[in-house]
Amino acid sequence: VREIFPKMKWKVPVSVHHKLLPGLKKQENVESGGEFSKMSKSDPNSGIFI
Protein backbone atom coordinates (compact mmCIF):
# COMPACT_ATOMS: atom_id res chain seq x y z
CA VAL A 1 0.00 0.00 0.00
CA ARG A 2 2.75 2.46 0.92
CA GLU A 3 4.42 1.92 -2.49
CA ILE A 4 1.30 1.65 -4.68
CA PHE A 5 -0.91 4.49 -3.36
CA PRO A 6 1.49 7.33 -4.29
CA LYS A 7 1.67 5.97 -7.85
CA MET A 8 -2.14 6.16 -7.98
CA LYS A 9 -1.95 9.71 -6.53
CA TRP A 10 -3.76 8.57 -3.38
CA LYS A 11 -2.73 9.48 0.16
CA VAL A 12 -0.99 6.76 2.14
CA PRO A 13 -3.05 5.51 5.12
CA VAL A 14 -1.61 5.82 8.62
CA SER A 15 -2.19 3.56 11.61
CA VAL A 16 -1.44 4.71 15.15
CA HIS A 17 -0.75 1.94 17.66
CA HIS A 18 0.21 2.83 21.19
CA LYS A 19 -0.51 1.18 24.50
CA LEU A 20 -1.30 4.52 26.17
CA LEU A 21 -3.91 5.67 23.63
CA PRO A 22 -7.28 4.99 25.31
CA GLY A 23 -10.49 4.15 23.50
CA LEU A 24 -13.36 6.58 23.10
CA LYS A 25 -15.87 4.58 25.10
CA LYS A 26 -16.54 5.21 28.78
CA GLN A 27 -14.81 2.74 31.05
CA GLU A 28 -17.02 0.07 32.55
CA ASN A 29 -16.30 -1.17 36.09
CA VAL A 30 -12.52 -0.84 36.10
CA GLU A 31 -10.87 -3.56 38.17
CA SER A 32 -8.43 -2.70 40.95
CA GLY A 33 -5.61 -2.67 38.35
CA GLY A 34 -6.87 0.66 37.01
CA GLU A 35 -6.15 -0.12 33.35
CA PHE A 36 -7.60 1.95 30.50
CA SER A 37 -10.16 0.46 28.15
CA LYS A 38 -8.58 -0.33 24.79
CA MET A 39 -9.76 0.62 21.33
CA SER A 40 -11.30 -2.32 19.50
CA LYS A 41 -11.15 -2.79 15.77
CA SER A 42 -14.32 -4.89 15.93
CA ASP A 43 -16.28 -2.06 17.63
CA PRO A 44 -16.48 0.99 15.32
CA ASN A 45 -17.61 3.22 18.22
CA SER A 46 -14.35 2.74 20.15
CA GLY A 47 -11.81 3.84 17.54
CA ILE A 48 -10.52 7.06 16.03
CA PHE A 49 -10.94 7.30 12.26
CA ILE A 50 -9.27 10.12 10.32
PDB file of N, CA and C in Angstrom:
ATOM      1  N   VAL A   1       0.829  -1.186   0.000  1.00  0.00           N
ATOM      2  CA  VAL A   1       0.000   0.000   0.000  1.00  0.00           C
ATOM      3  C   VAL A   1       0.876   1.253   0.000  1.00  0.00           C
ATOM      4  N   ARG A   2       1.915   1.267   0.826  1.00  0.00           N
ATOM      5  CA  ARG A   2       2.750   2.464   0.921  1.00  0.00           C
ATOM      6  C   ARG A   2       3.489   2.739  -0.388  1.00  0.00           C
ATOM      7  N   GLU A   3       3.731   1.715  -1.203  1.00  0.00           N
ATOM      8  CA  GLU A   3       4.416   1.917  -2.487  1.00  0.00           C
ATOM      9  C   GLU A   3       3.436   2.187  -3.622  1.00  0.00           C
ATOM     10  N   ILE A   4       2.263   1.570  -3.581  1.00  0.00           N
ATOM     11  CA  ILE A   4       1.297   1.648  -4.675  1.00  0.00           C
ATOM     12  C   ILE A   4       0.460   2.925  -4.637  1.00  0.00           C
ATOM     13  N   PHE A   5      -0.013   3.329  -3.459  1.00  0.00           N
ATOM     14  CA  PHE A   5      -0.913   4.489  -3.359  1.00  0.00           C
ATOM     15  C   PHE A   5      -0.320   5.767  -3.946  1.00  0.00           C
ATOM     16  N   PRO A   6       0.954   6.111  -3.682  1.00  0.00           N
ATOM     17  CA  PRO A   6       1.495   7.334  -4.294  1.00  0.00           C
ATOM     18  C   PRO A   6       1.500   7.278  -5.825  1.00  0.00           C
ATOM     19  N   LYS A   7       1.707   6.109  -6.392  1.00  0.00           N
ATOM     20  CA  LYS A   7       1.667   5.967  -7.854  1.00  0.00           C
ATOM     21  C   LYS A   7       0.267   6.217  -8.393  1.00  0.00           C
ATOM     22  N   MET A   8      -0.752   5.935  -7.580  1.00  0.00           N
ATOM     23  CA  MET A   8      -2.141   6.158  -7.982  1.00  0.00           C
ATOM     24  C   MET A   8      -2.616   7.561  -7.580  1.00  0.00           C
ATOM     25  N   LYS A   9      -1.679   8.359  -7.021  1.00  0.00           N
ATOM     26  CA  LYS A   9      -1.955   9.712  -6.534  1.00  0.00           C
ATOM     27  C   LYS A   9      -2.984   9.713  -5.401  1.00  0.00           C
ATOM     28  N   TRP A  10      -2.931   8.673  -4.578  1.00  0.00           N
ATOM     29  CA  TRP A  10      -3.765   8.573  -3.377  1.00  0.00           C
ATOM     30  C   TRP A  10      -2.881   8.822  -2.170  1.00  0.00           C
ATOM     31  N   LYS A  11      -3.478   9.283  -1.079  1.00  0.00           N
ATOM     32  CA  LYS A  11      -2.731   9.479   0.160  1.00  0.00           C
ATOM     33  C   LYS A  11      -2.503   8.137   0.836  1.00  0.00           C
ATOM     34  N   VAL A  12      -1.344   8.004   1.448  1.00  0.00           N
ATOM     35  CA  VAL A  12      -0.986   6.764   2.137  1.00  0.00           C
ATOM     36  C   VAL A  12      -1.691   6.718   3.492  1.00  0.00           C
ATOM     37  N   PRO A  13      -2.370   5.606   3.818  1.00  0.00           N
ATOM     38  CA  PRO A  13      -3.046   5.506   5.124  1.00  0.00           C
ATOM     39  C   PRO A  13      -2.035   5.404   6.265  1.00  0.00           C
ATOM     40  N   VAL A  14      -2.462   5.855   7.434  1.00  0.00           N
ATOM     41  CA  VAL A  14      -1.606   5.820   8.617  1.00  0.00           C
ATOM     42  C   VAL A  14      -2.342   5.100   9.737  1.00  0.00           C
ATOM     43  N   SER A  15      -1.638   4.237  10.440  1.00  0.00           N
ATOM     44  CA  SER A  15      -2.193   3.558  11.613  1.00  0.00           C
ATOM     45  C   SER A  15      -1.397   3.983  12.833  1.00  0.00           C
ATOM     46  N   VAL A  16      -2.100   4.316  13.915  1.00  0.00           N
ATOM     47  CA  VAL A  16      -1.442   4.707  15.153  1.00  0.00           C
ATOM     48  C   VAL A  16      -1.706   3.616  16.184  1.00  0.00           C
ATOM     49  N   HIS A  17      -0.644   2.988  16.658  1.00  0.00           N
ATOM     50  CA  HIS A  17      -0.751   1.936  17.658  1.00  0.00           C
ATOM     51  C   HIS A  17       0.096   2.342  18.853  1.00  0.00           C
ATOM     52  N   HIS A  18      -0.533   2.454  19.991  1.00  0.00           N
ATOM     53  CA  HIS A  18       0.206   2.831  21.192  1.00  0.00           C
ATOM     54  C   HIS A  18      -0.547   2.311  22.409  1.00  0.00           C
ATOM     55  N   LYS A  19       0.151   1.771  23.348  1.00  0.00           N
ATOM     56  CA  LYS A  19      -0.509   1.178  24.504  1.00  0.00           C
ATOM     57  C   LYS A  19      -1.131   2.218  25.426  1.00  0.00           C
ATOM     58  N   LEU A  20      -0.753   3.496  25.293  1.00  0.00           N
ATOM     59  CA  LEU A  20      -1.298   4.524  26.167  1.00  0.00           C
ATOM     60  C   LEU A  20      -2.419   5.329  25.522  1.00  0.00           C
ATOM     61  N   LEU A  21      -2.840   4.974  24.323  1.00  0.00           N
ATOM     62  CA  LEU A  21      -3.910   5.672  23.631  1.00  0.00           C
ATOM     63  C   LEU A  21      -5.233   5.003  23.997  1.00  0.00           C
ATOM     64  N   PRO A  22      -6.039   5.627  24.854  1.00  0.00           N
ATOM     65  CA  PRO A  22      -7.279   4.990  25.307  1.00  0.00           C
ATOM     66  C   PRO A  22      -8.369   5.018  24.238  1.00  0.00           C
ATOM     67  N   GLY A  23      -9.341   4.163  24.398  1.00  0.00           N
ATOM     68  CA  GLY A  23     -10.487   4.150  23.504  1.00  0.00           C
ATOM     69  C   GLY A  23     -11.416   5.319  23.794  1.00  0.00           C
ATOM     70  N   LEU A  24     -12.432   5.482  22.962  1.00  0.00           N
ATOM     71  CA  LEU A  24     -13.360   6.584  23.097  1.00  0.00           C
ATOM     72  C   LEU A  24     -14.551   6.256  23.977  1.00  0.00           C
ATOM     73  N   LYS A  25     -14.726   4.983  24.298  1.00  0.00           N
ATOM     74  CA  LYS A  25     -15.875   4.583  25.103  1.00  0.00           C
ATOM     75  C   LYS A  25     -15.602   4.812  26.585  1.00  0.00           C
ATOM     76  N   LYS A  26     -16.664   5.043  27.333  1.00  0.00           N
ATOM     77  CA  LYS A  26     -16.544   5.208  28.778  1.00  0.00           C
ATOM     78  C   LYS A  26     -16.131   3.882  29.405  1.00  0.00           C
ATOM     79  N   GLN A  27     -15.261   3.958  30.385  1.00  0.00           N
ATOM     80  CA  GLN A  27     -14.805   2.741  31.052  1.00  0.00           C
ATOM     81  C   GLN A  27     -15.940   2.123  31.841  1.00  0.00           C
ATOM     82  N   GLU A  28     -15.997   0.803  31.808  1.00  0.00           N
ATOM     83  CA  GLU A  28     -17.016   0.070  32.550  1.00  0.00           C
ATOM     84  C   GLU A  28     -16.355  -0.685  33.678  1.00  0.00           C
ATOM     85  N   ASN A  29     -16.758  -0.426  34.906  1.00  0.00           N
ATOM     86  CA  ASN A  29     -16.300  -1.169  36.090  1.00  0.00           C
ATOM     87  C   ASN A  29     -14.821  -1.559  36.010  1.00  0.00           C
ATOM     88  N   VAL A  30     -13.959  -0.585  36.143  1.00  0.00           N
ATOM     89  CA  VAL A  30     -12.518  -0.840  36.100  1.00  0.00           C
ATOM     90  C   VAL A  30     -12.117  -1.661  37.320  1.00  0.00           C
ATOM     91  N   GLU A  31     -11.350  -2.706  37.069  1.00  0.00           N
ATOM     92  CA  GLU A  31     -10.873  -3.563  38.165  1.00  0.00           C
ATOM     93  C   GLU A  31      -9.848  -2.788  38.996  1.00  0.00           C
ATOM     94  N   SER A  32      -9.371  -3.371  40.050  1.00  0.00           N
ATOM     95  CA  SER A  32      -8.429  -2.702  40.948  1.00  0.00           C
ATOM     96  C   SER A  32      -7.113  -2.360  40.251  1.00  0.00           C
ATOM     97  N   GLY A  33      -6.838  -2.967  39.080  1.00  0.00           N
ATOM     98  CA  GLY A  33      -5.610  -2.670  38.347  1.00  0.00           C
ATOM     99  C   GLY A  33      -5.605  -1.285  37.745  1.00  0.00           C
ATOM    100  N   GLY A  34      -6.780  -0.690  37.526  1.00  0.00           N
ATOM    101  CA  GLY A  34      -6.871   0.664  37.011  1.00  0.00           C
ATOM    102  C   GLY A  34      -6.431   0.823  35.566  1.00  0.00           C
ATOM    103  N   GLU A  35      -6.585  -0.206  34.736  1.00  0.00           N
ATOM    104  CA  GLU A  35      -6.150  -0.116  33.349  1.00  0.00           C
ATOM    105  C   GLU A  35      -7.196   0.604  32.504  1.00  0.00           C
ATOM    106  N   PHE A  36      -6.714   1.270  31.430  1.00  0.00           N
ATOM    107  CA  PHE A  36      -7.600   1.952  30.495  1.00  0.00           C
ATOM    108  C   PHE A  36      -8.321   0.932  29.624  1.00  0.00           C
ATOM    109  N   SER A  37      -9.497   1.305  29.126  1.00  0.00           N
ATOM    110  CA  SER A  37     -10.157   0.455  28.147  1.00  0.00           C
ATOM    111  C   SER A  37      -9.451   0.661  26.807  1.00  0.00           C
ATOM    112  N   LYS A  38      -9.308  -0.403  26.048  1.00  0.00           N
ATOM    113  CA  LYS A  38      -8.577  -0.328  24.790  1.00  0.00           C
ATOM    114  C   LYS A  38      -9.535  -0.062  23.634  1.00  0.00           C
ATOM    115  N   MET A  39      -8.986   0.491  22.552  1.00  0.00           N
ATOM    116  CA  MET A  39      -9.760   0.615  21.330  1.00  0.00           C
ATOM    117  C   MET A  39      -9.913  -0.780  20.737  1.00  0.00           C
ATOM    118  N   SER A  40     -11.049  -1.026  20.100  1.00  0.00           N
ATOM    119  CA  SER A  40     -11.299  -2.324  19.504  1.00  0.00           C
ATOM    120  C   SER A  40     -11.631  -2.149  18.038  1.00  0.00           C
ATOM    121  N   LYS A  41     -10.912  -2.861  17.198  1.00  0.00           N
ATOM    122  CA  LYS A  41     -11.148  -2.789  15.765  1.00  0.00           C
ATOM    123  C   LYS A  41     -12.522  -3.358  15.405  1.00  0.00           C
ATOM    124  N   SER A  42     -13.025  -4.279  16.214  1.00  0.00           N
ATOM    125  CA  SER A  42     -14.315  -4.887  15.927  1.00  0.00           C
ATOM    126  C   SER A  42     -15.492  -4.015  16.372  1.00  0.00           C
ATOM    127  N   ASP A  43     -15.228  -2.978  17.168  1.00  0.00           N
ATOM    128  CA  ASP A  43     -16.278  -2.063  17.628  1.00  0.00           C
ATOM    129  C   ASP A  43     -16.014  -0.684  17.032  1.00  0.00           C
ATOM    130  N   PRO A  44     -16.752  -0.283  15.992  1.00  0.00           N
ATOM    131  CA  PRO A  44     -16.478   0.991  15.321  1.00  0.00           C
ATOM    132  C   PRO A  44     -16.696   2.213  16.201  1.00  0.00           C
ATOM    133  N   ASN A  45     -17.376   2.077  17.330  1.00  0.00           N
ATOM    134  CA  ASN A  45     -17.608   3.219  18.216  1.00  0.00           C
ATOM    135  C   ASN A  45     -16.467   3.437  19.204  1.00  0.00           C
ATOM    136  N   SER A  46     -15.434   2.593  19.185  1.00  0.00           N
ATOM    137  CA  SER A  46     -14.352   2.737  20.146  1.00  0.00           C
ATOM    138  C   SER A  46     -13.046   3.182  19.505  1.00  0.00           C
ATOM    139  N   GLY A  47     -13.041   3.462  18.224  1.00  0.00           N
ATOM    140  CA  GLY A  47     -11.813   3.840  17.540  1.00  0.00           C
ATOM    141  C   GLY A  47     -11.825   5.276  17.066  1.00  0.00           C
ATOM    142  N   ILE A  48     -10.673   5.721  16.588  1.00  0.00           N
ATOM    143  CA  ILE A  48     -10.520   7.062  16.025  1.00  0.00           C
ATOM    144  C   ILE A  48     -10.241   6.888  14.543  1.00  0.00           C
ATOM    145  N   PHE A  49     -11.110   7.421  13.709  1.00  0.00           N
ATOM    146  CA  PHE A  49     -10.944   7.303  12.262  1.00  0.00           C
ATOM    147  C   PHE A  49     -10.698   8.690  11.679  1.00  0.00           C
ATOM    148  N   ILE A  50      -9.622   8.821  10.898  1.00  0.00           N
ATOM    149  CA  ILE A  50      -9.272  10.118  10.318  1.00  0.00           C
ATOM    150  C   ILE A  50      -9.453  10.048   8.808  1.00  0.00           C
TER     151      ILE A  50
END
